[in-house]
Amino acid sequence: ASGLTHGEVGELGDLIRQLRDRFDLTVLLVEHHMNMVMSIS
């Protein structure tokens, strides 16, 4: 999420969850945007 706008960060969080579910992924995330971290982890 570095360098993204507030709106793009929200879209990215939704996208990460969608990709996890679609591809049966495990995700390890390093991130400083705490709102996104708290909402998807």
PDB file of all heavy atoms in Angstrom:
ATOM      1  N   ALA A   1       0.806  -1.220   0.000  1.00  0.00           N
ATOM      2  CA  ALA A   1       0.000   0.000   0.000  1.00  0.00           C
ATOM      3  C   ALA A   1       0.840   1.272   0.000  1.00  0.00           C
ATOM      4  O   ALA A   1       0.278   2.376  -0.035  1.00  0.00           O
ATOM      5  CB  ALA A   1      -0.942   0.013   1.200  1.00  0.00           C
ATOM      6  N   SER A   2       2.156   1.156   0.033  1.00  0.00           N
ATOM      7  CA  SER A   2       2.984   2.356   0.081  1.00  0.00           C
ATOM      8  C   SER A   2       2.808   3.171  -1.194  1.00  0.00           C
ATOM      9  O   SER A   2       2.784   2.644  -2.301  1.00  0.00           O
ATOM     10  CB  SER A   2       4.466   1.982   0.251  1.00  0.00           C
ATOM     11  OG  SER A   2       4.945   1.288  -0.886  1.00  0.00           O
ATOM     12  N   GLY A   3       2.634   4.469  -1.036  1.00  0.00           N
ATOM     13  CA  GLY A   3       2.471   5.361  -2.176  1.00  0.00           C
ATOM     14  C   GLY A   3       1.069   5.414  -2.741  1.00  0.00           C
ATOM     15  O   GLY A   3       0.827   6.130  -3.715  1.00  0.00           O
ATOM     16  N   LEU A   4       0.130   4.667  -2.169  1.00  0.00           N
ATOM     17  CA  LEU A   4      -1.242   4.664  -2.682  1.00  0.00           C
ATOM     18  C   LEU A   4      -2.087   5.720  -1.982  1.00  0.00           C
ATOM     19  O   LEU A   4      -1.810   6.116  -0.851  1.00  0.00           O
ATOM     20  CB  LEU A   4      -1.886   3.288  -2.481  1.00  0.00           C
ATOM     21  CG  LEU A   4      -1.181   2.083  -3.115  1.00  0.00           C
ATOM     22  CD1 LEU A   4      -2.031   0.833  -2.918  1.00  0.00           C
ATOM     23  CD2 LEU A   4      -0.887   2.312  -4.580  1.00  0.00           C
ATOM     24  N   THR A   5      -3.135   6.163  -2.653  1.00  0.00           N
ATOM     25  CA  THR A   5      -4.078   7.087  -2.032  1.00  0.00           C
ATOM     26  C   THR A   5      -4.946   6.338  -1.030  1.00  0.00           C
ATOM     27  O   THR A   5      -4.981   5.092  -1.004  1.00  0.00           O
ATOM     28  CB  THR A   5      -4.975   7.736  -3.087  1.00  0.00           C
ATOM     29  OG1 THR A   5      -5.833   6.717  -3.654  1.00  0.00           O
ATOM     30  CG2 THR A   5      -4.153   8.377  -4.202  1.00  0.00           C
ATOM     31  N   HIS A   6      -5.669   7.110  -0.212  1.00  0.00           N
ATOM     32  CA  HIS A   6      -6.543   6.493   0.791  1.00  0.00           C
ATOM     33  C   HIS A   6      -7.548   5.552   0.130  1.00  0.00           C
ATOM     34  O   HIS A   6      -7.775   4.432   0.606  1.00  0.00           O
ATOM     35  CB  HIS A   6      -7.266   7.583   1.584  1.00  0.00           C
ATOM     36  CG  HIS A   6      -8.207   7.052   2.621  1.00  0.00           C
ATOM     37  ND1 HIS A   6      -7.771   6.502   3.812  1.00  0.00           N
ATOM     38  CD2 HIS A   6      -9.571   6.959   2.634  1.00  0.00           C
ATOM     39  CE1 HIS A   6      -8.816   6.104   4.520  1.00  0.00           C
ATOM     40  NE2 HIS A   6      -9.911   6.372   3.833  1.00  0.00           N
ATOM     41  N   GLY A   7      -8.139   5.999  -0.970  1.00  0.00           N
ATOM     42  CA  GLY A   7      -9.106   5.156  -1.668  1.00  0.00           C
ATOM     43  C   GLY A   7      -8.481   3.908  -2.239  1.00  0.00           C
ATOM     44  O   GLY A   7      -9.080   2.820  -2.193  1.00  0.00           O
ATOM     45  N   GLU A   8      -7.263   4.039  -2.785  1.00  0.00           N
ATOM     46  CA  GLU A   8      -6.577   2.882  -3.351  1.00  0.00           C
ATOM     47  C   GLU A   8      -6.213   1.872  -2.278  1.00  0.00           C
ATOM     48  O   GLU A   8      -6.233   0.656  -2.527  1.00  0.00           O
ATOM     49  CB  GLU A   8      -5.320   3.342  -4.092  1.00  0.00           C
ATOM     50  CG  GLU A   8      -5.595   4.071  -5.398  1.00  0.00           C
ATOM     51  CD  GLU A   8      -4.337   4.655  -6.017  1.00  0.00           C
ATOM     52  OE1 GLU A   8      -3.387   4.966  -5.260  1.00  0.00           O
ATOM     53  OE2 GLU A   8      -4.303   4.810  -7.246  1.00  0.00           O
ATOM     54  N   VAL A   9      -5.880   2.351  -1.073  1.00  0.00           N
ATOM     55  CA  VAL A   9      -5.544   1.441   0.028  1.00  0.00           C
ATOM     56  C   VAL A   9      -6.753   0.588   0.386  1.00  0.00           C
ATOM     57  O   VAL A   9      -6.641  -0.631   0.597  1.00  0.00           O
ATOM     58  CB  VAL A   9      -5.043   2.222   1.260  1.00  0.00           C
ATOM     59  CG1 VAL A   9      -4.913   1.296   2.472  1.00  0.00           C
ATOM     60  CG2 VAL A   9      -3.704   2.879   0.958  1.00  0.00           C
ATOM     61  N   GLY A  10      -7.929   1.205   0.451  1.00  0.00           N
ATOM     62  CA  GLY A  10      -9.142   0.448   0.748  1.00  0.00           C
ATOM     63  C   GLY A  10      -9.440  -0.596  -0.306  1.00  0.00           C
ATOM     64  O   GLY A  10      -9.801  -1.740   0.013  1.00  0.00           O
ATOM     65  N   GLU A  11      -9.282  -0.233  -1.575  1.00  0.00           N
ATOM     66  CA  GLU A  11      -9.491  -1.184  -2.672  1.00  0.00           C
ATOM     67  C   GLU A  11      -8.487  -2.328  -2.603  1.00  0.00           C
ATOM     68  O   GLU A  11      -8.836  -3.488  -2.872  1.00  0.00           O
ATOM     69  CB  GLU A  11      -9.373  -0.462  -4.006  1.00  0.00           C
ATOM     70  CG  GLU A  11     -10.490   0.534  -4.283  1.00  0.00           C
ATOM     71  CD  GLU A  11     -10.248   1.308  -5.562  1.00  0.00           C
ATOM     72  OE1 GLU A  11      -9.197   1.071  -6.212  1.00  0.00           O
ATOM     73  OE2 GLU A  11     -11.095   2.148  -5.920  1.00  0.00           O
ATOM     74  N   LEU A  12      -7.245  -2.005  -2.241  1.00  0.00           N
ATOM     75  CA  LEU A  12      -6.218  -3.040  -2.152  1.00  0.00           C
ATOM     76  C   LEU A  12      -6.547  -4.060  -1.068  1.00  0.00           C
ATOM     77  O   LEU A  12      -6.368  -5.268  -1.264  1.00  0.00           O
ATOM     78  CB  LEU A  12      -4.856  -2.399  -1.881  1.00  0.00           C
ATOM     79  CG  LEU A  12      -3.692  -3.368  -1.696  1.00  0.00           C
ATOM     80  CD1 LEU A  12      -3.432  -4.159  -2.976  1.00  0.00           C
ATOM     81  CD2 LEU A  12      -2.429  -2.624  -1.263  1.00  0.00           C
ATOM     82  N   GLY A  13      -7.022  -3.587   0.074  1.00  0.00           N
ATOM     83  CA  GLY A  13      -7.391  -4.517   1.137  1.00  0.00           C
ATOM     84  C   GLY A  13      -8.466  -5.489   0.688  1.00  0.00           C
ATOM     85  O   GLY A  13      -8.373  -6.698   0.936  1.00  0.00           O
ATOM     86  N   ASP A  14      -9.478  -4.969   0.009  1.00  0.00           N
ATOM     87  CA  ASP A  14     -10.537  -5.838  -0.515  1.00  0.00           C
ATOM     88  C   ASP A  14      -9.969  -6.826  -1.530  1.00  0.00           C
ATOM     89  O   ASP A  14     -10.351  -8.008  -1.550  1.00  0.00           O
ATOM     90  CB  ASP A  14     -11.634  -4.997  -1.180  1.00  0.00           C
ATOM     91  CG  ASP A  14     -12.412  -4.153  -0.188  1.00  0.00           C
ATOM     92  OD1 ASP A  14     -12.407  -4.491   1.015  1.00  0.00           O
ATOM     93  OD2 ASP A  14     -13.027  -3.145  -0.614  1.00  0.00           O
ATOM     94  N   LEU A  15      -9.062  -6.340  -2.382  1.00  0.00           N
ATOM     95  CA  LEU A  15      -8.476  -7.198  -3.413  1.00  0.00           C
ATOM     96  C   LEU A  15      -7.664  -8.334  -2.798  1.00  0.00           C
ATOM     97  O   LEU A  15      -7.748  -9.481  -3.252  1.00  0.00           O
ATOM     98  CB  LEU A  15      -7.586  -6.358  -4.332  1.00  0.00           C
ATOM     99  CG  LEU A  15      -6.836  -7.110  -5.437  1.00  0.00           C
ATOM    100  CD1 LEU A  15      -7.816  -7.780  -6.393  1.00  0.00           C
ATOM    101  CD2 LEU A  15      -5.898  -6.162  -6.183  1.00  0.00           C
ATOM    102  N   ILE A  16      -6.889  -8.047  -1.766  1.00  0.00           N
ATOM    103  CA  ILE A  16      -6.071  -9.084  -1.126  1.00  0.00           C
ATOM    104  C   ILE A  16      -6.954 -10.191  -0.569  1.00  0.00           C
ATOM    105  O   ILE A  16      -6.668 -11.382  -0.729  1.00  0.00           O
ATOM    106  CB  ILE A  16      -5.184  -8.472  -0.021  1.00  0.00           C
ATOM    107  CG1 ILE A  16      -4.098  -7.592  -0.654  1.00  0.00           C
ATOM    108  CG2 ILE A  16      -4.539  -9.566   0.829  1.00  0.00           C
ATOM    109  CD1 ILE A  16      -3.301  -6.789   0.348  1.00  0.00           C
ATOM    110  N   ARG A  17      -8.061  -9.808   0.063  1.00  0.00           N
ATOM    111  CA  ARG A  17      -8.977 -10.834   0.580  1.00  0.00           C
ATOM    112  C   ARG A  17      -9.602 -11.651  -0.545  1.00  0.00           C
ATOM    113  O   ARG A  17      -9.727 -12.878  -0.444  1.00  0.00           O
ATOM    114  CB  ARG A  17     -10.073 -10.174   1.417  1.00  0.00           C
ATOM    115  CG  ARG A  17      -9.663  -9.873   2.843  1.00  0.00           C
ATOM    116  CD  ARG A  17     -10.823  -9.376   3.662  1.00  0.00           C
ATOM    117  NE  ARG A  17     -11.362  -8.128   3.143  1.00  0.00           N
ATOM    118  CZ  ARG A  17     -11.810  -7.139   3.906  1.00  0.00           C
ATOM    119  NH1 ARG A  17     -11.786  -7.258   5.214  1.00  0.00           N
ATOM    120  NH2 ARG A  17     -12.302  -6.036   3.368  1.00  0.00           N
ATOM    121  N   GLN A  18      -9.994 -10.978  -1.616  1.00  0.00           N
ATOM    122  CA  GLN A  18     -10.594 -11.683  -2.747  1.00  0.00           C
ATOM    123  C   GLN A  18      -9.614 -12.667  -3.372  1.00  0.00           C
ATOM    124  O   GLN A  18      -9.975 -13.809  -3.709  1.00  0.00           O
ATOM    125  CB  GLN A  18     -11.067 -10.670  -3.786  1.00  0.00           C
ATOM    126  CG  GLN A  18     -12.252  -9.830  -3.345  1.00  0.00           C
ATOM    127  CD  GLN A  18     -12.478  -8.629  -4.245  1.00  0.00           C
ATOM    128  OE1 GLN A  18     -11.899  -8.539  -5.332  1.00  0.00           O
ATOM    129  NE2 GLN A  18     -13.304  -7.697  -3.805  1.00  0.00           N
ATOM    130  N   LEU A  19      -8.369 -12.261  -3.540  1.00  0.00           N
ATOM    131  CA  LEU A  19      -7.355 -13.129  -4.135  1.00  0.00           C
ATOM    132  C   LEU A  19      -7.043 -14.307  -3.216  1.00  0.00           C
ATOM    133  O   LEU A  19      -6.857 -15.437  -3.684  1.00  0.00           O
ATOM    134  CB  LEU A  19      -6.081 -12.336  -4.429  1.00  0.00           C
ATOM    135  CG  LEU A  19      -6.206 -11.258  -5.510  1.00  0.00           C
ATOM    136  CD1 LEU A  19      -4.920 -10.437  -5.590  1.00  0.00           C
ATOM    137  CD2 LEU A  19      -6.515 -11.875  -6.878  1.00  0.00           C
ATOM    138  N   ARG A  20      -6.998 -14.057  -1.905  1.00  0.00           N
ATOM    139  CA  ARG A  20      -6.777 -15.157  -0.948  1.00  0.00           C
ATOM    140  C   ARG A  20      -7.848 -16.219  -1.099  1.00  0.00           C
ATOM    141  O   ARG A  20      -7.556 -17.427  -1.165  1.00  0.00           O
ATOM    142  CB  ARG A  20      -6.760 -14.575   0.468  1.00  0.00           C
ATOM    143  CG  ARG A  20      -6.410 -15.588   1.582  1.00  0.00           C
ATOM    144  CD  ARG A  20      -7.611 -16.329   2.116  1.00  0.00           C
ATOM    145  NE  ARG A  20      -8.639 -15.456   2.625  1.00  0.00           N
ATOM    146  CZ  ARG A  20      -8.701 -15.058   3.898  1.00  0.00           C
ATOM    147  NH1 ARG A  20      -7.808 -15.447   4.785  1.00  0.00           N
ATOM    148  NH2 ARG A  20      -9.721 -14.265   4.290  1.00  0.00           N
ATOM    149  N   ASP A  21      -9.094 -15.777  -1.185  1.00  0.00           N
ATOM    150  CA  ASP A  21     -10.195 -16.724  -1.271  1.00  0.00           C
ATOM    151  C   ASP A  21     -10.232 -17.435  -2.625  1.00  0.00           C
ATOM    152  O   ASP A  21     -10.459 -18.649  -2.688  1.00  0.00           O
ATOM    153  CB  ASP A  21     -11.521 -16.005  -1.024  1.00  0.00           C
ATOM    154  CG  ASP A  21     -11.634 -15.439   0.382  1.00  0.00           C
ATOM    155  OD1 ASP A  21     -10.882 -15.897   1.263  1.00  0.00           O
ATOM    156  OD2 ASP A  21     -12.467 -14.533   0.599  1.00  0.00           O
ATOM    157  N   ARG A  22     -10.002 -16.691  -3.700  1.00  0.00           N
ATOM    158  CA  ARG A  22     -10.100 -17.272  -5.047  1.00  0.00           C
ATOM    159  C   ARG A  22      -9.004 -18.306  -5.298  1.00  0.00           C
ATOM    160  O   ARG A  22      -9.251 -19.360  -5.895  1.00  0.00           O
ATOM    161  CB  ARG A  22     -10.037 -16.174  -6.102  1.00  0.00           C
ATOM    162  CG  ARG A  22     -10.182 -16.714  -7.537  1.00  0.00           C
ATOM    163  CD  ARG A  22     -10.069 -15.614  -8.565  1.00  0.00           C
ATOM    164  NE  ARG A  22     -10.228 -16.117  -9.916  1.00  0.00           N
ATOM    165  CZ  ARG A  22     -11.354 -16.103 -10.597  1.00  0.00           C
ATOM    166  NH1 ARG A  22     -12.435 -15.610 -10.038  1.00  0.00           N
ATOM    167  NH2 ARG A  22     -11.409 -16.573 -11.832  1.00  0.00           N
ATOM    168  N   PHE A  23      -7.772 -18.009  -4.847  1.00  0.00           N
ATOM    169  CA  PHE A  23      -6.633 -18.874  -5.157  1.00  0.00           C
ATOM    170  C   PHE A  23      -6.193 -19.726  -3.974  1.00  0.00           C
ATOM    171  O   PHE A  23      -5.151 -20.381  -4.043  1.00  0.00           O
ATOM    172  CB  PHE A  23      -5.458 -18.032  -5.660  1.00  0.00           C
ATOM    173  CG  PHE A  23      -5.727 -17.342  -6.972  1.00  0.00           C
ATOM    174  CD1 PHE A  23      -5.952 -15.982  -7.025  1.00  0.00           C
ATOM    175  CD2 PHE A  23      -5.780 -18.068  -8.146  1.00  0.00           C
ATOM    176  CE1 PHE A  23      -6.206 -15.340  -8.228  1.00  0.00           C
ATOM    177  CE2 PHE A  23      -6.031 -17.449  -9.360  1.00  0.00           C
ATOM    178  CZ  PHE A  23      -6.253 -16.080  -9.409  1.00  0.00           C
ATOM    179  N   ASP A  24      -6.980 -19.715  -2.896  1.00  0.00           N
ATOM    180  CA  ASP A  24      -6.658 -20.526  -1.716  1.00  0.00           C
ATOM    181  C   ASP A  24      -5.246 -20.217  -1.227  1.00  0.00           C
ATOM    182  O   ASP A  24      -4.438 -21.112  -0.978  1.00  0.00           O
ATOM    183  CB  ASP A  24      -6.803 -22.018  -2.032  1.00  0.00           C
ATOM    184  CG  ASP A  24      -6.844 -22.879  -0.779  1.00  0.00           C
ATOM    185  OD1 ASP A  24      -7.186 -22.353   0.287  1.00  0.00           O
ATOM    186  OD2 ASP A  24      -6.494 -24.076  -0.885  1.00  0.00           O
ATOM    187  N   LEU A  25      -4.959 -18.929  -1.084  1.00  0.00           N
ATOM    188  CA  LEU A  25      -3.626 -18.475  -0.711  1.00  0.00           C
ATOM    189  C   LEU A  25      -3.477 -18.339   0.800  1.00  0.00           C
ATOM    190  O   LEU A  25      -4.461 -18.184   1.535  1.00  0.00           O
ATOM    191  CB  LEU A  25      -3.356 -17.092  -1.317  1.00  0.00           C
ATOM    192  CG  LEU A  25      -3.283 -16.965  -2.835  1.00  0.00           C
ATOM    193  CD1 LEU A  25      -3.218 -15.486  -3.215  1.00  0.00           C
ATOM    194  CD2 LEU A  25      -2.052 -17.700  -3.360  1.00  0.00           C
ATOM    195  N   THR A  26      -2.233 -18.373   1.223  1.00  0.00           N
ATOM    196  CA  THR A  26      -1.840 -17.870   2.530  1.00  0.00           C
ATOM    197  C   THR A  26      -1.060 -16.589   2.266  1.00  0.00           C
ATOM    198  O   THR A  26      -0.223 -16.545   1.370  1.00  0.00           O
ATOM    199  CB  THR A  26      -0.964 -18.893   3.268  1.00  0.00           C
ATOM    200  OG1 THR A  26      -1.692 -20.123   3.390  1.00  0.00           O
ATOM    201  CG2 THR A  26      -0.564 -18.392   4.640  1.00  0.00           C
ATOM    202  N   VAL A  27      -1.341 -15.536   3.020  1.00  0.00           N
ATOM    203  CA  VAL A  27      -0.739 -14.227   2.758  1.00  0.00           C
ATOM    204  C   VAL A  27       0.045 -13.775   3.981  1.00  0.00           C
ATOM    205  O   VAL A  27      -0.479 -13.772   5.107  1.00  0.00           O
ATOM    206  CB  VAL A  27      -1.807 -13.176   2.410  1.00  0.00           C
ATOM    207  CG1 VAL A  27      -1.162 -11.805   2.181  1.00  0.00           C
ATOM    208  CG2 VAL A  27      -2.594 -13.605   1.174  1.00  0.00           C
ATOM    209  N   LEU A  28       1.296 -13.386   3.748  1.00  0.00           N
ATOM    210  CA  LEU A  28       2.121 -12.760   4.778  1.00  0.00           C
ATOM    211  C   LEU A  28       2.380 -11.335   4.319  1.00  0.00           C
ATOM    212  O   LEU A  28       2.953 -11.106   3.251  1.00  0.00           O
ATOM    213  CB  LEU A  28       3.432 -13.525   4.964  1.00  0.00           C
ATOM    214  CG  LEU A  28       4.342 -13.041   6.094  1.00  0.00           C
ATOM    215  CD1 LEU A  28       3.613 -13.079   7.438  1.00  0.00           C
ATOM    216  CD2 LEU A  28       5.607 -13.891   6.167  1.00  0.00           C
ATOM    217  N   LEU A  29       1.940 -10.385   5.128  1.00  0.00           N
ATOM    218  CA  LEU A  29       1.863  -8.984   4.724  1.00  0.00           C
ATOM    219  C   LEU A  29       2.734  -8.126   5.621  1.00  0.00           C
ATOM    220  O   LEU A  29       2.585  -8.144   6.849  1.00  0.00           O
ATOM    221  CB  LEU A  29       0.399  -8.534   4.808  1.00  0.00           C
ATOM    222  CG  LEU A  29       0.062  -7.065   4.649  1.00  0.00           C
ATOM    223  CD1 LEU A  29       0.241  -6.641   3.198  1.00  0.00           C
ATOM    224  CD2 LEU A  29      -1.381  -6.816   5.101  1.00  0.00           C
ATOM    225  N   VAL A  30       3.651  -7.366   5.023  1.00  0.00           N
ATOM    226  CA  VAL A  30       4.365  -6.303   5.727  1.00  0.00           C
ATOM    227  C   VAL A  30       3.745  -4.987   5.294  1.00  0.00           C
ATOM    228  O   VAL A  30       3.698  -4.685   4.096  1.00  0.00           O
ATOM    229  CB  VAL A  30       5.876  -6.332   5.404  1.00  0.00           C
ATOM    230  CG1 VAL A  30       6.548  -5.035   5.865  1.00  0.00           C
ATOM    231  CG2 VAL A  30       6.550  -7.520   6.052  1.00  0.00           C
ATOM    232  N   GLU A  31       3.258  -4.206   6.270  1.00  0.00           N
ATOM    233  CA  GLU A  31       2.527  -2.996   5.887  1.00  0.00           C
ATOM    234  C   GLU A  31       2.506  -1.998   7.039  1.00  0.00           C
ATOM    235  O   GLU A  31       2.465  -2.382   8.215  1.00  0.00           O
ATOM    236  CB  GLU A  31       1.084  -3.362   5.498  1.00  0.00           C
ATOM    237  CG  GLU A  31       0.275  -2.238   4.915  1.00  0.00           C
ATOM    238  CD  GLU A  31       1.006  -1.516   3.815  1.00  0.00           C
ATOM    239  OE1 GLU A  31       1.258  -2.130   2.759  1.00  0.00           O
ATOM    240  OE2 GLU A  31       1.344  -0.334   4.012  1.00  0.00           O
ATOM    241  N   HIS A  32       2.537  -0.684   6.683  1.00  0.00           N
ATOM    242  CA  HIS A  32       2.466   0.387   7.670  1.00  0.00           C
ATOM    243  C   HIS A  32       1.078   1.010   7.762  1.00  0.00           C
ATOM    244  O   HIS A  32       0.807   1.761   8.703  1.00  0.00           O
ATOM    245  CB  HIS A  32       3.484   1.486   7.333  1.00  0.00           C
ATOM    246  CG  HIS A  32       4.898   1.088   7.613  1.00  0.00           C
ATOM    247  ND1 HIS A  32       5.400   0.926   8.888  1.00  0.00           N
ATOM    248  CD2 HIS A  32       5.931   0.802   6.777  1.00  0.00           C
ATOM    249  CE1 HIS A  32       6.674   0.579   8.839  1.00  0.00           C
ATOM    250  NE2 HIS A  32       7.017   0.491   7.563  1.00  0.00           N
ATOM    251  N   HIS A  33       0.200   0.730   6.801  1.00  0.00           N
ATOM    252  CA  HIS A  33      -1.160   1.262   6.853  1.00  0.00           C
ATOM    253  C   HIS A  33      -1.981   0.419   7.827  1.00  0.00           C
ATOM    254  O   HIS A  33      -2.504  -0.640   7.484  1.00  0.00           O
ATOM    255  CB  HIS A  33      -1.794   1.251   5.462  1.00  0.00           C
ATOM    256  CG  HIS A  33      -1.290   2.333   4.573  1.00  0.00           C
ATOM    257  ND1 HIS A  33      -1.929   3.541   4.419  1.00  0.00           N
ATOM    258  CD2 HIS A  33      -0.188   2.394   3.802  1.00  0.00           C
ATOM    259  CE1 HIS A  33      -1.254   4.303   3.581  1.00  0.00           C
ATOM    260  NE2 HIS A  33      -0.193   3.624   3.181  1.00  0.00           N
ATOM    261  N   MET A  34      -2.103   0.920   9.061  1.00  0.00           N
ATOM    262  CA  MET A  34      -2.703   0.123  10.121  1.00  0.00           C
ATOM    263  C   MET A  34      -4.186  -0.126   9.911  1.00  0.00           C
ATOM    264  O   MET A  34      -4.703  -1.164  10.325  1.00  0.00           O
ATOM    265  CB  MET A  34      -2.477   0.792  11.480  1.00  0.00           C
ATOM    266  CG  MET A  34      -1.046   0.703  11.979  1.00  0.00           C
ATOM    267  SD  MET A  34      -0.497  -1.018  12.190  1.00  0.00           S
ATOM    268  CE  MET A  34       0.451  -1.266  10.690  1.00  0.00           C
ATOM    269  N   ASN A  35      -4.889   0.801   9.280  1.00  0.00           N
ATOM    270  CA  ASN A  35      -6.317   0.551   9.038  1.00  0.00           C
ATOM    271  C   ASN A  35      -6.505  -0.682   8.160  1.00  0.00           C
ATOM    272  O   ASN A  35      -7.380  -1.525   8.416  1.00  0.00           O
ATOM    273  CB  ASN A  35      -6.966   1.764   8.382  1.00  0.00           C
ATOM    274  CG  ASN A  35      -7.169   2.912   9.356  1.00  0.00           C
ATOM    275  OD1 ASN A  35      -7.171   2.703  10.577  1.00  0.00           O
ATOM    276  ND2 ASN A  35      -7.334   4.118   8.837  1.00  0.00           N
ATOM    277  N   MET A  36      -5.684  -0.810   7.108  1.00  0.00           N
ATOM    278  CA  MET A  36      -5.786  -1.973   6.245  1.00  0.00           C
ATOM    279  C   MET A  36      -5.365  -3.240   6.981  1.00  0.00           C
ATOM    280  O   MET A  36      -6.008  -4.286   6.889  1.00  0.00           O
ATOM    281  CB  MET A  36      -4.944  -1.802   4.979  1.00  0.00           C
ATOM    282  CG  MET A  36      -5.185  -2.899   3.950  1.00  0.00           C
ATOM    283  SD  MET A  36      -4.227  -2.706   2.433  1.00  0.00           S
ATOM    284  CE  MET A  36      -2.676  -3.452   2.945  1.00  0.00           C
ATOM    285  N   VAL A  37      -4.270  -3.146   7.721  1.00  0.00           N
ATOM    286  CA  VAL A  37      -3.778  -4.306   8.479  1.00  0.00           C
ATOM    287  C   VAL A  37      -4.854  -4.816   9.433  1.00  0.00           C
ATOM    288  O   VAL A  37      -5.146  -6.020   9.487  1.00  0.00           O
ATOM    289  CB  VAL A  37      -2.501  -3.931   9.263  1.00  0.00           C
ATOM    290  CG1 VAL A  37      -2.163  -5.004  10.294  1.00  0.00           C
ATOM    291  CG2 VAL A  37      -1.324  -3.744   8.307  1.00  0.00           C
ATOM    292  N   MET A  38      -5.459  -3.915  10.178  1.00  0.00           N
ATOM    293  CA  MET A  38      -6.457  -4.312  11.171  1.00  0.00           C
ATOM    294  C   MET A  38      -7.721  -4.870  10.525  1.00  0.00           C
ATOM    295  O   MET A  38      -8.404  -5.716  11.102  1.00  0.00           O
ATOM    296  CB  MET A  38      -6.807  -3.125  12.071  1.00  0.00           C
ATOM    297  CG  MET A  38      -5.680  -2.668  12.961  1.00  0.00           C
ATOM    298  SD  MET A  38      -5.226  -3.936  14.185  1.00  0.00           S
ATOM    299  CE  MET A  38      -3.786  -3.177  14.952  1.00  0.00           C
ATOM    300  N   SER A  39      -8.035  -4.416   9.316  1.00  0.00           N
ATOM    301  CA  SER A  39      -9.294  -4.826   8.695  1.00  0.00           C
ATOM    302  C   SER A  39      -9.202  -6.156   7.961  1.00  0.00           C
ATOM    303  O   SER A  39     -10.222  -6.840   7.804  1.00  0.00           O
ATOM    304  CB  SER A  39      -9.778  -3.744   7.730  1.00  0.00           C
ATOM    305  OG  SER A  39      -8.909  -3.615   6.619  1.00  0.00           O
ATOM    306  N   ILE A  40      -8.007  -6.564   7.500  1.00  0.00           N
ATOM    307  CA  ILE A  40      -7.931  -7.782   6.696  1.00  0.00           C
ATOM    308  C   ILE A  40      -7.160  -8.925   7.359  1.00  0.00           C
ATOM    309  O   ILE A  40      -7.235 -10.064   6.897  1.00  0.00           O
ATOM    310  CB  ILE A  40      -7.320  -7.522   5.300  1.00  0.00           C
ATOM    311  CG1 ILE A  40      -5.817  -7.225   5.393  1.00  0.00           C
ATOM    312  CG2 ILE A  40      -8.057  -6.400   4.591  1.00  0.00           C
ATOM    313  CD1 ILE A  40      -5.140  -7.162   4.030  1.00  0.00           C
ATOM    314  N   SER A  41      -6.427  -8.652   8.439  1.00  0.00           N
ATOM    315  CA  SER A  41      -5.563  -9.682   9.023  1.00  0.00           C
ATOM    316  C   SER A  41      -6.305 -10.544  10.029  1.00  0.00           C
ATOM    317  O   SER A  41      -7.100 -10.043  10.823  1.00  0.00           O
ATOM    318  CB  SER A  41      -4.348  -9.035   9.711  1.00  0.00           C
ATOM    319  OG  SER A  41      -3.626  -8.232   8.814  1.00  0.00           O
TER     320      SER A  41
END
